[in-house]
Amino acid sequence: MYQPPHFKSTDAAIAAELMTRIAFASLVSTDDAGFPFVTHLPMHLATNDGEFVLWAHCAKPNPHWRYLRARPQALVTFLGPHAYLSPQIYPDLARVPSWNYLAVHCKVEARLVEEPGEKDVLLKKLIGDHEPAYADQWRGLGEEYQHKMLAGIVGLELRVKEWECKLKINQHRPESHAKLKASYSVGNAHERELAVWMDRLGMGA
């Protein structure tokens, strides 16, 4: 990911917060012909001895797990709130439009999770993130149904080897901050979230 210094964050807590809040990520590796292959998946973030680990699963008919078994290195990307940046925020006219966004990229090493008990544990991590009350319904479906559903997925343990976090909210142009924040504060959901991040980063005060 292209990382100008003024947009680069090395704060692991911010990266973890974004990955947890966004949750839905793009898993990117290559197919057998060497062409990029992408699967969009919800992911659970865990911390293991200070390292990030992402947990996910894909449908068994999806060939991505076979590609990962052959080539375990992959990229996981999380795209957070993003919004148009109008040149009208600048005091001078010699400016062009741009786009603001928050993103985290992770270089990962994949391990397939194929044992039913371990897959069940993985599913409960995701259920706990998004609908804890569903755990009772899942248990009530019976072992035969559970085993059938578990047989239809392949779990993924994705150990994060390197990560990058980019917070692009026009930090390098302080003359635009007040007007940008005012505009974002009354905008759509993405824009309002970026306005909150501007506050967190001490911008637009």
Protein backbone atom coordinates (compact mmCIF):
# COMPACT_ATOMS: atom_id res chain seq x y z
CA MET A 1 0.00 0.00 0.00
CA TYR A 2 1.30 3.43 -0.91
CA GLN A 3 2.11 5.14 2.40
CA PRO A 4 2.99 8.86 2.44
CA PRO A 5 4.43 9.57 5.92
CA HIS A 6 1.61 11.96 6.93
CA PHE A 7 -1.02 9.23 6.43
CA LYS A 8 0.87 6.30 7.97
CA SER A 9 -0.14 5.01 11.41
CA THR A 10 2.09 2.65 13.39
CA ASP A 11 -0.34 2.43 16.31
CA ALA A 12 -1.27 -1.24 16.73
CA ALA A 13 -4.30 -0.32 18.84
CA ILE A 14 -5.75 1.78 16.01
CA ALA A 15 -5.10 -0.99 13.48
CA ALA A 16 -6.79 -3.53 15.78
CA GLU A 17 -9.77 -1.22 16.33
CA LEU A 18 -10.27 -0.76 12.61
CA MET A 19 -10.01 -4.47 11.84
CA THR A 20 -12.49 -5.28 14.61
CA ARG A 21 -14.98 -2.55 13.68
CA ILE A 22 -14.81 -3.15 9.94
CA ALA A 23 -14.78 -6.97 10.33
CA PHE A 24 -15.59 -7.62 6.64
CA ALA A 25 -12.34 -8.01 4.68
CA SER A 26 -10.95 -9.00 1.28
CA LEU A 27 -8.68 -12.04 1.23
CA VAL A 28 -6.35 -11.88 -1.76
CA SER A 29 -3.97 -14.53 -3.08
CA THR A 30 -3.32 -16.17 -6.44
CA ASP A 31 -5.02 -18.99 -8.29
CA ASP A 32 -3.20 -21.85 -9.99
CA ALA A 33 -2.56 -19.68 -13.05
CA GLY A 34 -0.96 -16.95 -10.93
CA PHE A 35 -3.87 -14.52 -11.29
CA PRO A 36 -5.16 -12.68 -8.19
CA PHE A 37 -8.12 -14.41 -6.54
CA VAL A 38 -10.29 -12.53 -4.02
CA THR A 39 -12.79 -13.75 -1.44
CA HIS A 40 -14.76 -11.31 0.74
CA LEU A 41 -15.13 -12.65 4.27
CA PRO A 42 -16.09 -11.61 7.80
CA MET A 43 -13.09 -12.04 10.07
CA HIS A 44 -12.49 -12.32 13.80
CA LEU A 45 -9.37 -10.63 15.14
CA ALA A 46 -7.53 -12.23 18.04
CA THR A 47 -4.25 -11.29 19.70
CA ASN A 48 -1.83 -14.12 20.41
CA ASP A 49 1.34 -13.24 22.36
CA GLY A 50 1.16 -9.70 21.00
CA GLU A 51 0.61 -10.82 17.40
CA PHE A 52 -2.55 -10.46 15.32
CA VAL A 53 -4.39 -13.58 14.17
CA LEU A 54 -7.42 -13.44 11.86
CA TRP A 55 -10.01 -16.22 11.81
CA ALA A 56 -12.44 -16.81 8.95
CA HIS A 57 -13.99 -19.56 6.84
CA CYS A 58 -15.07 -20.07 3.26
CA ALA A 59 -17.47 -22.44 1.55
CA LYS A 60 -15.90 -25.75 0.57
CA PRO A 61 -16.81 -25.29 -3.14
CA ASN A 62 -14.80 -22.05 -3.10
CA PRO A 63 -11.37 -23.01 -4.52
CA HIS A 64 -9.61 -20.35 -2.47
CA TRP A 65 -8.75 -22.75 0.35
CA ARG A 66 -7.02 -25.04 -2.13
CA TYR A 67 -4.98 -22.09 -3.43
CA LEU A 68 -4.00 -21.24 0.16
CA ARG A 69 -3.00 -24.82 0.86
CA ALA A 70 -0.61 -24.64 -2.11
CA ARG A 71 0.52 -21.03 -1.48
CA PRO A 72 -0.17 -20.01 2.15
CA GLN A 73 0.97 -16.39 1.89
CA ALA A 74 -1.86 -13.96 1.25
CA LEU A 75 -3.04 -10.39 1.70
CA VAL A 76 -6.03 -9.31 3.78
CA THR A 77 -7.39 -5.79 3.31
CA PHE A 78 -9.86 -3.87 5.45
CA LEU A 79 -11.42 -0.72 4.02
CA GLY A 80 -13.02 1.57 6.58
CA PRO A 81 -15.05 4.75 6.16
CA HIS A 82 -14.25 6.65 2.97
CA ALA A 83 -15.58 9.80 1.34
CA TYR A 84 -15.10 12.30 -1.45
CA LEU A 85 -12.92 15.32 -0.72
CA SER A 86 -14.08 18.44 -2.57
CA PRO A 87 -11.53 21.08 -3.59
CA GLN A 88 -14.04 23.65 -2.30
CA ILE A 89 -12.60 23.16 1.20
CA TYR A 90 -9.41 24.99 0.23
CA PRO A 91 -9.01 28.77 0.44
CA ASP A 92 -7.38 28.86 -3.01
CA LEU A 93 -8.84 27.53 -6.27
CA ALA A 94 -5.79 25.73 -7.66
CA ARG A 95 -6.82 22.41 -6.12
CA VAL A 96 -8.30 19.12 -7.36
CA PRO A 97 -10.75 16.56 -5.89
CA SER A 98 -9.49 13.61 -3.87
CA TRP A 99 -10.79 10.82 -1.64
CA ASN A 100 -10.26 10.21 2.07
CA TYR A 101 -10.26 6.75 3.64
CA LEU A 102 -9.03 4.50 6.44
CA ALA A 103 -7.50 1.13 5.59
CA VAL A 104 -5.50 -1.74 7.07
CA HIS A 105 -3.53 -4.24 4.99
CA CYS A 106 -2.16 -7.48 6.47
CA LYS A 107 0.37 -9.90 5.03
CA VAL A 108 -0.72 -13.27 6.40
CA GLU A 109 0.31 -16.92 6.54
CA ALA A 110 -2.69 -19.22 6.16
CA ARG A 111 -3.39 -22.50 7.93
CA LEU A 112 -6.44 -24.54 6.99
CA VAL A 113 -8.80 -25.47 9.82
CA GLU A 114 -10.45 -28.74 8.83
CA GLU A 115 -11.12 -30.65 12.08
CA PRO A 116 -14.85 -30.31 13.01
CA GLY A 117 -14.23 -29.38 16.65
CA GLU A 118 -11.79 -26.65 15.70
CA LYS A 119 -14.16 -25.34 13.03
CA ASP A 120 -16.93 -25.19 15.63
CA VAL A 121 -14.71 -23.08 17.90
CA LEU A 122 -13.96 -20.78 14.95
CA LEU A 123 -17.67 -20.34 14.20
CA LYS A 124 -18.35 -19.44 17.82
CA LYS A 125 -15.73 -16.65 17.59
CA LEU A 126 -17.65 -15.11 14.67
CA ILE A 127 -21.04 -15.67 16.32
CA GLY A 128 -19.72 -13.94 19.43
CA ASP A 129 -18.72 -10.94 17.34
CA HIS A 130 -21.97 -10.47 15.47
CA GLU A 131 -24.89 -12.25 17.19
CA PRO A 132 -24.03 -13.91 20.52
CA ALA A 133 -27.63 -14.95 21.08
CA TYR A 134 -27.47 -17.19 17.99
CA ALA A 135 -25.16 -19.57 19.90
CA ASP A 136 -28.18 -21.10 21.65
CA GLN A 137 -29.98 -21.61 18.34
CA TRP A 138 -26.87 -23.23 16.84
CA ARG A 139 -26.59 -25.65 19.77
CA GLY A 140 -30.29 -26.49 19.44
CA LEU A 141 -29.95 -27.58 15.81
CA GLY A 142 -28.49 -30.93 16.85
CA GLU A 143 -25.16 -32.61 16.17
CA GLU A 144 -26.18 -34.18 12.86
CA TYR A 145 -27.14 -30.82 11.36
CA GLN A 146 -24.07 -29.13 12.85
CA HIS A 147 -21.73 -31.72 11.38
CA LYS A 148 -23.39 -31.32 7.99
CA MET A 149 -22.91 -27.54 8.07
CA LEU A 150 -19.33 -27.83 9.35
CA ALA A 151 -18.51 -30.25 6.53
CA GLY A 152 -19.49 -27.55 4.05
CA ILE A 153 -16.84 -25.04 5.12
CA VAL A 154 -13.07 -24.80 5.47
CA GLY A 155 -11.76 -22.70 8.33
CA LEU A 156 -8.84 -20.32 7.97
CA GLU A 157 -6.31 -19.26 10.58
CA LEU A 158 -4.46 -16.26 9.13
CA ARG A 159 -1.39 -15.26 11.13
CA VAL A 160 -0.47 -11.65 10.46
CA LYS A 161 3.23 -11.36 9.60
CA GLU A 162 3.18 -7.67 8.70
CA TRP A 163 0.52 -4.97 8.77
CA GLU A 164 0.08 -1.43 7.48
CA CYS A 165 -2.47 1.12 8.61
CA LYS A 166 -3.36 4.19 6.56
CA LEU A 167 -5.42 7.10 7.89
CA LYS A 168 -5.91 9.49 4.97
CA ILE A 169 -7.93 12.50 6.12
CA ASN A 170 -5.95 15.40 4.60
CA GLN A 171 -3.60 15.68 7.59
CA HIS A 172 -1.00 17.53 5.50
CA ARG A 173 -3.35 20.43 4.68
CA PRO A 174 -4.25 22.06 8.01
CA GLU A 175 -5.81 25.08 6.29
CA SER A 176 -8.59 22.78 5.09
CA HIS A 177 -9.36 20.96 8.33
CA ALA A 178 -12.08 23.18 9.79
CA LYS A 179 -14.10 23.33 6.58
CA LEU A 180 -13.59 19.61 5.85
CA LYS A 181 -14.71 18.59 9.33
CA ALA A 182 -17.77 20.86 9.13
CA SER A 183 -18.72 19.30 5.81
CA TYR A 184 -18.18 15.72 6.97
CA SER A 185 -20.04 16.28 10.26
CA VAL A 186 -23.34 16.77 8.42
CA GLY A 187 -22.72 14.22 5.66
CA ASN A 188 -23.46 10.54 5.18
CA ALA A 189 -22.47 7.80 7.64
CA HIS A 190 -18.97 7.42 6.19
CA GLU A 191 -18.37 11.18 6.28
CA ARG A 192 -19.62 11.50 9.86
CA GLU A 193 -17.30 8.69 10.96
CA LEU A 194 -14.35 10.42 9.29
CA ALA A 195 -15.28 13.61 11.17
CA VAL A 196 -15.05 11.64 14.43
CA TRP A 197 -11.62 10.38 13.40
CA MET A 198 -10.55 13.97 12.65
CA ASP A 199 -11.39 14.77 16.28
CA ARG A 200 -9.41 11.76 17.48
CA LEU A 201 -6.40 12.89 15.47
CA GLY A 202 -6.66 16.47 16.71
CA MET A 203 -7.75 17.90 13.36
CA GLY A 204 -10.25 20.66 12.68
CA ALA A 205 -10.33 21.95 16.26
